[in-house]
Amino acid sequence: MSYNLKNSNGTIISQIRNIFSKEEEKQIIKKEKYKEDFKKRIVLIENEEEKRIKEIKRLYDNRKIKEDKLSNEDIDKLIQMYNKEIQELRADTKRRCNGGKSDVG
């Protein structure tokens, strides 16, 4: 005994495959959107933290806050920020001394 698994739109099996492939596609799109949203949230968190540290730096530079009021973590982040600024200043100075020419190439 054999069954006819066809209707006017093709075989039922192919329709089932199409349904599953569409669901799989939706799941992939959903995962990609989640990843993208997650990356945006991470950047937002990093930006907020950077703003917070910059504000602490501003207060510290203007002697509105003392070092003993800062956490060790904040001190470490401030040191990183100062070191980054020093590197950027050195690179800028080097560029200016070279007449705007890059060392690359």
C-alpha atoms as a PDB file:
ATOM      1  CA  MET A   1       0.000   0.000   0.000  1.00  0.00           C
ATOM      2  CA  SER A   2       1.463   3.402  -0.964  1.00  0.00           C
ATOM      3  CA  TYR A   3       0.366   6.851   0.071  1.00  0.00           C
ATOM      4  CA  ASN A   4       0.143   9.854  -2.158  1.00  0.00           C
ATOM      5  CA  LEU A   5       1.824  12.651  -0.248  1.00  0.00           C
ATOM      6  CA  LYS A   6       1.142  15.312  -2.874  1.00  0.00           C
ATOM      7  CA  ASN A   7      -1.269  18.157  -3.027  1.00  0.00           C
ATOM      8  CA  SER A   8      -1.647  21.121  -5.376  1.00  0.00           C
ATOM      9  CA  ASN A   9       1.402  22.913  -3.920  1.00  0.00           C
ATOM     10  CA  GLY A  10       3.840  19.991  -4.158  1.00  0.00           C
ATOM     11  CA  THR A  11       4.635  17.237  -1.746  1.00  0.00           C
ATOM     12  CA  ILE A  12       3.729  17.505   1.896  1.00  0.00           C
ATOM     13  CA  ILE A  13       7.302  16.567   2.761  1.00  0.00           C
ATOM     14  CA  SER A  14       8.667  19.527   0.799  1.00  0.00           C
ATOM     15  CA  GLN A  15       6.173  21.811   2.532  1.00  0.00           C
ATOM     16  CA  ILE A  16       7.315  20.514   5.910  1.00  0.00           C
ATOM     17  CA  ARG A  17      10.935  21.106   4.892  1.00  0.00           C
ATOM     18  CA  ASN A  18      10.047  24.660   3.856  1.00  0.00           C
ATOM     19  CA  ILE A  19       8.365  25.283   7.193  1.00  0.00           C
ATOM     20  CA  PHE A  20      11.412  24.018   9.105  1.00  0.00           C
ATOM     21  CA  SER A  21      13.855  25.955   6.935  1.00  0.00           C
ATOM     22  CA  LYS A  22      11.823  29.140   7.448  1.00  0.00           C
ATOM     23  CA  GLU A  23      11.792  28.546  11.201  1.00  0.00           C
ATOM     24  CA  GLU A  24      15.529  27.901  11.142  1.00  0.00           C
ATOM     25  CA  GLU A  25      16.045  31.131   9.195  1.00  0.00           C
ATOM     26  CA  LYS A  26      13.947  33.037  11.731  1.00  0.00           C
ATOM     27  CA  GLN A  27      16.035  31.574  14.558  1.00  0.00           C
ATOM     28  CA  ILE A  28      19.282  32.584  12.834  1.00  0.00           C
ATOM     29  CA  ILE A  29      17.991  36.117  12.277  1.00  0.00           C
ATOM     30  CA  LYS A  30      16.860  36.284  15.899  1.00  0.00           C
ATOM     31  CA  LYS A  31      20.294  35.130  17.130  1.00  0.00           C
ATOM     32  CA  GLU A  32      22.091  37.666  14.918  1.00  0.00           C
ATOM     33  CA  LYS A  33      19.833  40.464  16.182  1.00  0.00           C
ATOM     34  CA  TYR A  34      20.518  39.395  19.766  1.00  0.00           C
ATOM     35  CA  LYS A  35      24.281  39.433  19.109  1.00  0.00           C
ATOM     36  CA  GLU A  36      24.032  42.876  17.533  1.00  0.00           C
ATOM     37  CA  ASP A  37      21.961  44.217  20.436  1.00  0.00           C
ATOM     38  CA  PHE A  38      24.410  42.675  22.903  1.00  0.00           C
ATOM     39  CA  LYS A  39      27.350  44.385  21.193  1.00  0.00           C
ATOM     40  CA  LYS A  40      25.506  47.717  21.324  1.00  0.00           C
ATOM     41  CA  ARG A  41      24.814  47.258  25.033  1.00  0.00           C
ATOM     42  CA  ILE A  42      28.486  46.479  25.690  1.00  0.00           C
ATOM     43  CA  VAL A  43      29.573  49.626  23.843  1.00  0.00           C
ATOM     44  CA  LEU A  44      27.014  51.654  25.770  1.00  0.00           C
ATOM     45  CA  ILE A  45      28.254  50.265  29.078  1.00  0.00           C
ATOM     46  CA  GLU A  46      31.867  50.973  28.069  1.00  0.00           C
ATOM     47  CA  ASN A  47      30.947  54.524  27.055  1.00  0.00           C
ATOM     48  CA  GLU A  48      29.151  55.118  30.355  1.00  0.00           C
ATOM     49  CA  GLU A  49      32.127  53.775  32.298  1.00  0.00           C
ATOM     50  CA  GLU A  50      34.510  55.917  30.256  1.00  0.00           C
ATOM     51  CA  LYS A  51      32.374  59.009  30.964  1.00  0.00           C
ATOM     52  CA  ARG A  52      32.381  58.167  34.659  1.00  0.00           C
ATOM     53  CA  ILE A  53      36.170  57.803  34.737  1.00  0.00           C
ATOM     54  CA  LYS A  54      36.610  61.037  32.764  1.00  0.00           C
ATOM     55  CA  GLU A  55      34.447  62.824  35.309  1.00  0.00           C
ATOM     56  CA  ILE A  56      36.543  61.375  38.151  1.00  0.00           C
ATOM     57  CA  LYS A  57      39.672  62.511  36.294  1.00  0.00           C
ATOM     58  CA  ARG A  58      38.256  66.012  35.892  1.00  0.00           C
ATOM     59  CA  LEU A  59      37.384  66.177  39.585  1.00  0.00           C
ATOM     60  CA  TYR A  60      40.794  64.814  40.578  1.00  0.00           C
ATOM     61  CA  ASP A  61      42.664  67.194  38.259  1.00  0.00           C
ATOM     62  CA  ASN A  62      40.717  70.125  39.718  1.00  0.00           C
ATOM     63  CA  ARG A  63      41.419  68.902  43.261  1.00  0.00           C
ATOM     64  CA  LYS A  64      37.714  68.398  43.961  1.00  0.00           C
ATOM     65  CA  ILE A  65      38.303  64.789  44.987  1.00  0.00           C
ATOM     66  CA  LYS A  66      41.251  63.264  46.810  1.00  0.00           C
ATOM     67  CA  GLU A  67      43.036  60.056  45.946  1.00  0.00           C
ATOM     68  CA  ASP A  68      42.084  58.432  49.251  1.00  0.00           C
ATOM     69  CA  LYS A  69      38.403  58.769  48.279  1.00  0.00           C
ATOM     70  CA  LEU A  70      38.906  56.688  45.121  1.00  0.00           C
ATOM     71  CA  SER A  71      38.622  52.926  44.917  1.00  0.00           C
ATOM     72  CA  ASN A  72      41.641  50.905  43.802  1.00  0.00           C
ATOM     73  CA  GLU A  73      39.728  49.994  40.647  1.00  0.00           C
ATOM     74  CA  ASP A  74      39.091  53.664  39.838  1.00  0.00           C
ATOM     75  CA  ILE A  75      42.744  54.499  40.488  1.00  0.00           C
ATOM     76  CA  ASP A  76      43.809  51.726  38.104  1.00  0.00           C
ATOM     77  CA  LYS A  77      41.410  53.021  35.453  1.00  0.00           C
ATOM     78  CA  LEU A  78      42.695  56.565  35.917  1.00  0.00           C
ATOM     79  CA  ILE A  79      46.269  55.362  35.512  1.00  0.00           C
ATOM     80  CA  GLN A  80      45.270  53.581  32.300  1.00  0.00           C
ATOM     81  CA  MET A  81      43.574  56.746  31.056  1.00  0.00           C
ATOM     82  CA  TYR A  82      46.622  58.899  31.865  1.00  0.00           C
ATOM     83  CA  ASN A  83      48.933  56.382  30.169  1.00  0.00           C
ATOM     84  CA  LYS A  84      46.724  56.347  27.075  1.00  0.00           C
ATOM     85  CA  GLU A  85      46.764  60.158  26.955  1.00  0.00           C
ATOM     86  CA  ILE A  86      50.556  60.174  27.294  1.00  0.00           C
ATOM     87  CA  GLN A  87      50.891  57.693  24.401  1.00  0.00           C
ATOM     88  CA  GLU A  88      48.563  59.791  22.246  1.00  0.00           C
ATOM     89  CA  LEU A  89      50.520  62.964  23.064  1.00  0.00           C
ATOM     90  CA  ARG A  90      53.832  61.269  22.238  1.00  0.00           C
ATOM     91  CA  ALA A  91      52.439  59.981  18.936  1.00  0.00           C
ATOM     92  CA  ASP A  92      51.079  63.441  18.123  1.00  0.00           C
ATOM     93  CA  THR A  93      54.408  65.081  19.010  1.00  0.00           C
ATOM     94  CA  LYS A  94      56.275  62.569  16.862  1.00  0.00           C
ATOM     95  CA  ARG A  95      53.915  63.240  13.951  1.00  0.00           C
ATOM     96  CA  ARG A  96      54.428  66.980  14.309  1.00  0.00           C
ATOM     97  CA  CYS A  97      58.212  66.617  14.488  1.00  0.00           C
ATOM     98  CA  ASN A  98      58.124  64.531  11.294  1.00  0.00           C
ATOM     99  CA  GLY A  99      56.168  67.243   9.528  1.00  0.00           C
ATOM    100  CA  GLY A 100      52.966  65.214   9.608  1.00  0.00           C
ATOM    101  CA  LYS A 101      54.628  62.202   7.973  1.00  0.00           C
ATOM    102  CA  SER A 102      53.901  58.754   9.281  1.00  0.00           C
ATOM    103  CA  ASP A 103      56.543  56.157  10.124  1.00  0.00           C
ATOM    104  CA  VAL A 104      54.481  53.549   8.298  1.00  0.00           C
ATOM    105  CA  GLY A 105      55.757  52.449   4.889  1.00  0.00           C
END
